[in-house]
Amino acid sequence: MREDFDKTIRIPVVTDLVRAGDAAIVEQVKNPYARQQRRQVFEQRLKERIDELKSATGQDEYSGLARAHAIRSEGHQQAATQAHSSRIDPSVEKHIDKARDDLIRELSTLLK
């Protein structure tokens, strides 16, 4: 029996060097709402960073609306120059224009 013990591979275990973890980290891991809190913090930081980038590049919501308005007004000017050569009934054109304006208005509210 003594010979078997001498041939056995022994793995040293150092238990006195193991220390308890940081109390704040242990509490965070045990907290069931920690994941949700981290997600909210991440989302908030992401939104702040996006706002910083938008303001740095000058692409805030008002510049987007100004760009959309310029595109619409340009489209209306082109439509006005082509109105005399149009073969579509004017009442149908008005209906299409109204539907297009309503759609653009609805889309611009979704982008806000």
N, C-alpha and C. Protein backbone atom coordinates (compact mmCIF):
# COMPACT_ATOMS: atom_id res chain seq x y z
N MET A 1 0.82 -1.18 0.00
CA MET A 1 0.00 0.00 0.00
C MET A 1 0.87 1.26 0.00
N ARG A 2 1.95 1.20 0.75
CA ARG A 2 2.87 2.33 0.81
C ARG A 2 3.48 2.60 -0.55
N GLU A 3 3.72 1.57 -1.35
CA GLU A 3 4.30 1.73 -2.69
C GLU A 3 3.32 2.43 -3.63
N ASP A 4 2.02 2.12 -3.50
CA ASP A 4 1.01 2.77 -4.34
C ASP A 4 0.94 4.27 -4.05
N PHE A 5 1.06 4.64 -2.79
CA PHE A 5 1.00 6.05 -2.41
C PHE A 5 2.20 6.82 -2.97
N ASP A 6 3.35 6.18 -2.99
CA ASP A 6 4.55 6.83 -3.52
C ASP A 6 4.48 7.00 -5.03
N LYS A 7 3.75 6.16 -5.73
CA LYS A 7 3.66 6.24 -7.20
C LYS A 7 2.52 7.17 -7.66
N THR A 8 1.70 7.58 -6.73
CA THR A 8 0.56 8.42 -7.06
C THR A 8 1.05 9.83 -7.41
N ILE A 9 0.45 10.39 -8.47
CA ILE A 9 0.79 11.76 -8.86
C ILE A 9 0.03 12.70 -7.94
N ARG A 10 0.75 13.62 -7.34
CA ARG A 10 0.14 14.57 -6.42
C ARG A 10 0.15 15.95 -7.05
N ILE A 11 -0.98 16.62 -6.99
CA ILE A 11 -1.11 17.99 -7.51
C ILE A 11 -1.20 18.93 -6.32
N PRO A 12 -0.26 19.84 -6.21
CA PRO A 12 -0.32 20.75 -5.06
C PRO A 12 -1.47 21.75 -5.23
N VAL A 13 -2.17 22.00 -4.17
CA VAL A 13 -3.28 22.95 -4.17
C VAL A 13 -2.93 24.06 -3.18
N VAL A 14 -2.94 25.26 -3.70
CA VAL A 14 -2.61 26.40 -2.86
C VAL A 14 -3.91 27.11 -2.53
N THR A 15 -4.37 26.91 -1.33
CA THR A 15 -5.65 27.51 -0.95
C THR A 15 -5.46 28.81 -0.20
N ASP A 16 -4.29 29.00 0.44
CA ASP A 16 -4.16 30.22 1.21
C ASP A 16 -3.95 31.44 0.34
N LEU A 17 -3.67 31.31 -0.93
CA LEU A 17 -3.47 32.46 -1.80
C LEU A 17 -4.76 32.92 -2.47
N VAL A 18 -5.80 32.14 -2.35
CA VAL A 18 -7.07 32.51 -2.97
C VAL A 18 -7.76 33.52 -2.07
N ARG A 19 -8.09 34.67 -2.63
CA ARG A 19 -8.74 35.72 -1.87
C ARG A 19 -10.15 35.93 -2.41
N ALA A 20 -10.99 36.44 -1.58
CA ALA A 20 -12.35 36.76 -2.03
C ALA A 20 -12.29 37.90 -3.03
N GLY A 21 -13.23 37.91 -3.97
CA GLY A 21 -13.25 38.93 -5.01
C GLY A 21 -13.68 40.27 -4.48
N ASP A 22 -13.64 41.24 -5.35
CA ASP A 22 -14.07 42.59 -5.01
C ASP A 22 -15.56 42.54 -4.66
N ALA A 23 -15.93 43.11 -3.54
CA ALA A 23 -17.31 43.04 -3.07
C ALA A 23 -18.29 43.67 -4.05
N ALA A 24 -17.89 44.77 -4.70
CA ALA A 24 -18.78 45.44 -5.66
C ALA A 24 -19.03 44.55 -6.87
N ILE A 25 -17.99 43.86 -7.33
CA ILE A 25 -18.14 42.99 -8.50
C ILE A 25 -18.99 41.77 -8.14
N VAL A 26 -18.76 41.19 -6.96
CA VAL A 26 -19.55 40.04 -6.53
C VAL A 26 -21.02 40.44 -6.41
N GLU A 27 -21.29 41.61 -5.87
CA GLU A 27 -22.66 42.08 -5.73
C GLU A 27 -23.30 42.30 -7.10
N GLN A 28 -22.51 42.83 -8.04
CA GLN A 28 -23.03 43.07 -9.38
C GLN A 28 -23.37 41.76 -10.08
N VAL A 29 -22.56 40.74 -9.88
CA VAL A 29 -22.82 39.44 -10.52
C VAL A 29 -24.07 38.80 -9.92
N LYS A 30 -24.25 38.95 -8.63
CA LYS A 30 -25.40 38.33 -7.97
C LYS A 30 -26.69 39.11 -8.18
N ASN A 31 -26.59 40.34 -8.62
CA ASN A 31 -27.76 41.19 -8.83
C ASN A 31 -28.51 40.73 -10.09
N PRO A 32 -29.78 40.32 -9.98
CA PRO A 32 -30.52 39.85 -11.16
C PRO A 32 -30.82 40.96 -12.17
N TYR A 33 -30.77 42.22 -11.72
CA TYR A 33 -31.06 43.33 -12.62
C TYR A 33 -29.80 43.95 -13.22
N ALA A 34 -28.64 43.38 -12.93
CA ALA A 34 -27.37 43.96 -13.38
C ALA A 34 -27.29 43.99 -14.91
N ARG A 35 -27.73 42.93 -15.55
CA ARG A 35 -27.65 42.88 -17.01
C ARG A 35 -28.49 43.99 -17.64
N GLN A 36 -29.68 44.17 -17.12
CA GLN A 36 -30.56 45.22 -17.62
C GLN A 36 -29.95 46.60 -17.36
N GLN A 37 -29.36 46.78 -16.20
CA GLN A 37 -28.73 48.06 -15.87
C GLN A 37 -27.54 48.34 -16.79
N ARG A 38 -26.73 47.32 -17.04
CA ARG A 38 -25.58 47.49 -17.95
C ARG A 38 -26.07 47.83 -19.36
N ARG A 39 -27.15 47.18 -19.79
CA ARG A 39 -27.70 47.46 -21.11
C ARG A 39 -28.19 48.91 -21.20
N GLN A 40 -28.87 49.37 -20.14
CA GLN A 40 -29.36 50.75 -20.15
C GLN A 40 -28.21 51.75 -20.16
N VAL A 41 -27.16 51.46 -19.40
CA VAL A 41 -26.00 52.35 -19.38
C VAL A 41 -25.34 52.35 -20.75
N PHE A 42 -25.23 51.17 -21.37
CA PHE A 42 -24.62 51.08 -22.71
C PHE A 42 -25.45 51.86 -23.72
N GLU A 43 -26.78 51.70 -23.69
CA GLU A 43 -27.64 52.42 -24.62
C GLU A 43 -27.54 53.92 -24.42
N GLN A 44 -27.50 54.35 -23.16
CA GLN A 44 -27.39 55.78 -22.88
C GLN A 44 -26.07 56.35 -23.42
N ARG A 45 -24.98 55.63 -23.17
CA ARG A 45 -23.68 56.09 -23.68
C ARG A 45 -23.65 56.10 -25.20
N LEU A 46 -24.28 55.10 -25.82
CA LEU A 46 -24.33 55.05 -27.28
C LEU A 46 -25.11 56.24 -27.84
N LYS A 47 -26.25 56.55 -27.23
CA LYS A 47 -27.04 57.69 -27.68
C LYS A 47 -26.28 59.00 -27.51
N GLU A 48 -25.57 59.12 -26.38
CA GLU A 48 -24.78 60.33 -26.17
C GLU A 48 -23.68 60.46 -27.22
N ARG A 49 -23.05 59.33 -27.54
CA ARG A 49 -21.97 59.36 -28.55
C ARG A 49 -22.53 59.70 -29.92
N ILE A 50 -23.70 59.17 -30.27
CA ILE A 50 -24.32 59.49 -31.55
C ILE A 50 -24.65 60.97 -31.61
N ASP A 51 -25.18 61.52 -30.51
CA ASP A 51 -25.47 62.95 -30.47
C ASP A 51 -24.21 63.79 -30.63
N GLU A 52 -23.11 63.35 -29.99
CA GLU A 52 -21.84 64.07 -30.14
C GLU A 52 -21.39 64.07 -31.60
N LEU A 53 -21.48 62.92 -32.24
CA LEU A 53 -21.05 62.82 -33.64
C LEU A 53 -21.94 63.65 -34.55
N LYS A 54 -23.25 63.65 -34.28
CA LYS A 54 -24.16 64.46 -35.09
C LYS A 54 -23.84 65.94 -34.96
N SER A 55 -23.61 66.38 -33.73
CA SER A 55 -23.32 67.80 -33.54
C SER A 55 -21.96 68.16 -34.13
N ALA A 56 -21.00 67.24 -34.07
CA ALA A 56 -19.67 67.51 -34.63
C ALA A 56 -19.72 67.60 -36.16
N THR A 57 -20.58 66.81 -36.77
CA THR A 57 -20.66 66.81 -38.23
C THR A 57 -21.74 67.76 -38.74
N GLY A 58 -22.52 68.35 -37.83
CA GLY A 58 -23.57 69.28 -38.24
C GLY A 58 -24.79 68.59 -38.81
N GLN A 59 -25.01 67.36 -38.43
CA GLN A 59 -26.15 66.61 -38.95
C GLN A 59 -27.19 66.39 -37.85
N ASP A 60 -27.71 67.45 -37.32
CA ASP A 60 -28.76 67.30 -36.34
C ASP A 60 -30.10 67.15 -37.05
N GLU A 61 -31.17 67.03 -36.29
CA GLU A 61 -32.48 66.77 -36.91
C GLU A 61 -32.95 67.93 -37.77
N TYR A 62 -32.55 69.16 -37.44
CA TYR A 62 -33.01 70.31 -38.21
C TYR A 62 -32.35 70.38 -39.58
N SER A 63 -31.09 69.99 -39.65
CA SER A 63 -30.44 70.02 -40.96
C SER A 63 -31.05 68.96 -41.87
N GLY A 64 -31.45 67.84 -41.29
CA GLY A 64 -32.12 66.81 -42.08
C GLY A 64 -33.46 67.29 -42.61
N LEU A 65 -34.19 68.00 -41.76
CA LEU A 65 -35.48 68.55 -42.20
C LEU A 65 -35.27 69.63 -43.26
N ALA A 66 -34.23 70.45 -43.09
CA ALA A 66 -33.95 71.48 -44.09
C ALA A 66 -33.60 70.84 -45.43
N ARG A 67 -32.83 69.76 -45.38
CA ARG A 67 -32.46 69.06 -46.61
C ARG A 67 -33.70 68.48 -47.28
N ALA A 68 -34.60 67.89 -46.49
CA ALA A 68 -35.83 67.33 -47.04
C ALA A 68 -36.71 68.43 -47.65
N HIS A 69 -36.77 69.57 -46.98
CA HIS A 69 -37.55 70.69 -47.51
C HIS A 69 -36.96 71.19 -48.83
N ALA A 70 -35.63 71.28 -48.90
CA ALA A 70 -34.98 71.72 -50.15
C ALA A 70 -35.26 70.73 -51.28
N ILE A 71 -35.22 69.46 -50.98
CA ILE A 71 -35.49 68.45 -52.02
C ILE A 71 -36.94 68.56 -52.49
N ARG A 72 -37.88 68.74 -51.54
CA ARG A 72 -39.29 68.87 -51.92
C ARG A 72 -39.53 70.11 -52.75
N SER A 73 -38.93 71.24 -52.33
CA SER A 73 -39.16 72.48 -53.08
C SER A 73 -38.55 72.38 -54.48
N GLU A 74 -37.42 71.72 -54.58
CA GLU A 74 -36.82 71.52 -55.90
C GLU A 74 -37.71 70.65 -56.77
N GLY A 75 -38.29 69.63 -56.15
CA GLY A 75 -39.21 68.77 -56.89
C GLY A 75 -40.44 69.52 -57.34
N HIS A 76 -40.95 70.42 -56.48
CA HIS A 76 -42.10 71.23 -56.87
C HIS A 76 -41.76 72.19 -58.01
N GLN A 77 -40.57 72.74 -57.99
CA GLN A 77 -40.15 73.64 -59.07
C GLN A 77 -40.05 72.88 -60.39
N GLN A 78 -39.49 71.70 -60.33
CA GLN A 78 -39.39 70.90 -61.55
C GLN A 78 -40.77 70.50 -62.04
N ALA A 79 -41.66 70.19 -61.10
CA ALA A 79 -43.03 69.82 -61.49
C ALA A 79 -43.74 71.02 -62.11
N ALA A 80 -43.48 72.21 -61.60
CA ALA A 80 -44.12 73.41 -62.14
C ALA A 80 -43.65 73.68 -63.57
N THR A 81 -42.38 73.45 -63.86
CA THR A 81 -41.87 73.68 -65.22
C THR A 81 -42.39 72.61 -66.19
N GLN A 82 -42.66 71.43 -65.68
CA GLN A 82 -43.15 70.36 -66.54
C GLN A 82 -44.68 70.31 -66.59
N ALA A 83 -45.35 71.17 -65.83
CA ALA A 83 -46.81 71.12 -65.75
C ALA A 83 -47.46 71.42 -67.10
N HIS A 84 -46.89 72.33 -67.86
CA HIS A 84 -47.52 72.67 -69.14
C HIS A 84 -47.36 71.55 -70.16
N SER A 85 -46.38 70.68 -70.01
CA SER A 85 -46.20 69.59 -70.97
C SER A 85 -46.78 68.27 -70.45
N SER A 86 -47.44 68.30 -69.31
CA SER A 86 -47.98 67.09 -68.71
C SER A 86 -49.25 66.65 -69.43
N ARG A 87 -49.44 65.35 -69.53
CA ARG A 87 -50.64 64.81 -70.18
C ARG A 87 -51.60 64.23 -69.15
N ILE A 88 -51.25 64.33 -67.88
CA ILE A 88 -52.10 63.79 -66.81
C ILE A 88 -53.12 64.85 -66.43
N ASP A 89 -54.30 64.38 -66.11
CA ASP A 89 -55.37 65.28 -65.67
C ASP A 89 -54.92 66.05 -64.43
N PRO A 90 -55.13 67.36 -64.39
CA PRO A 90 -54.68 68.16 -63.25
C PRO A 90 -55.26 67.71 -61.91
N SER A 91 -56.48 67.22 -61.90
CA SER A 91 -57.07 66.76 -60.63
C SER A 91 -56.33 65.52 -60.12
N VAL A 92 -55.91 64.66 -61.05
CA VAL A 92 -55.14 63.46 -60.65
C VAL A 92 -53.77 63.89 -60.13
N GLU A 93 -53.15 64.88 -60.78
CA GLU A 93 -51.87 65.38 -60.32
C GLU A 93 -51.98 65.95 -58.91
N LYS A 94 -53.05 66.70 -58.64
CA LYS A 94 -53.24 67.27 -57.31
C LYS A 94 -53.39 66.16 -56.27
N HIS A 95 -54.14 65.13 -56.63
CA HIS A 95 -54.33 64.01 -55.72
C HIS A 95 -52.99 63.32 -55.43
N ILE A 96 -52.19 63.11 -56.47
CA ILE A 96 -50.87 62.47 -56.31
C ILE A 96 -49.96 63.35 -55.45
N ASP A 97 -49.97 64.66 -55.72
CA ASP A 97 -49.15 65.59 -54.94
C ASP A 97 -49.54 65.58 -53.47
N LYS A 98 -50.85 65.57 -53.21
CA LYS A 98 -51.31 65.56 -51.83
C LYS A 98 -50.89 64.26 -51.14
N ALA A 99 -51.06 63.14 -51.83
CA ALA A 99 -50.67 61.86 -51.24
C ALA A 99 -49.16 61.82 -50.98
N ARG A 100 -48.37 62.36 -51.91
CA ARG A 100 -46.91 62.40 -51.73
C ARG A 100 -46.54 63.28 -50.55
N ASP A 101 -47.16 64.44 -50.44
CA ASP A 101 -46.86 65.34 -49.32
C ASP A 101 -47.24 64.70 -47.98
N ASP A 102 -48.39 64.02 -47.95
CA ASP A 102 -48.80 63.34 -46.72
C ASP A 102 -47.80 62.25 -46.35
N LEU A 103 -47.34 61.51 -47.33
CA LEU A 103 -46.37 60.45 -47.09
C LEU A 103 -45.04 61.02 -46.60
N ILE A 104 -44.60 62.10 -47.21
CA ILE A 104 -43.34 62.74 -46.79
C ILE A 104 -43.47 63.28 -45.37
N ARG A 105 -44.59 63.89 -45.06
CA ARG A 105 -44.83 64.40 -43.71
C ARG A 105 -44.81 63.28 -42.70
N GLU A 106 -45.47 62.17 -43.03
CA GLU A 106 -45.51 61.03 -42.12
C GLU A 106 -44.12 60.43 -41.92
N LEU A 107 -43.37 60.32 -43.01
CA LEU A 107 -42.00 59.77 -42.90
C LEU A 107 -41.09 60.69 -42.11
N SER A 108 -41.24 62.00 -42.28
CA SER A 108 -40.38 62.93 -41.54
C SER A 108 -40.71 62.89 -40.04
N THR A 109 -41.97 62.65 -39.68
CA THR A 109 -42.29 62.52 -38.25
C THR A 109 -41.72 61.23 -37.69
N LEU A 110 -41.64 60.18 -38.50
CA LEU A 110 -41.03 58.93 -38.02
C LEU A 110 -39.54 59.08 -37.82
N LEU A 111 -38.90 59.95 -38.59
CA LEU A 111 -37.46 60.14 -38.47
C LEU A 111 -37.04 60.98 -37.26
N LYS A 112 -37.98 61.66 -36.67
CA LYS A 112 -37.66 62.52 -35.52
C LYS A 112 -37.35 61.70 -34.30
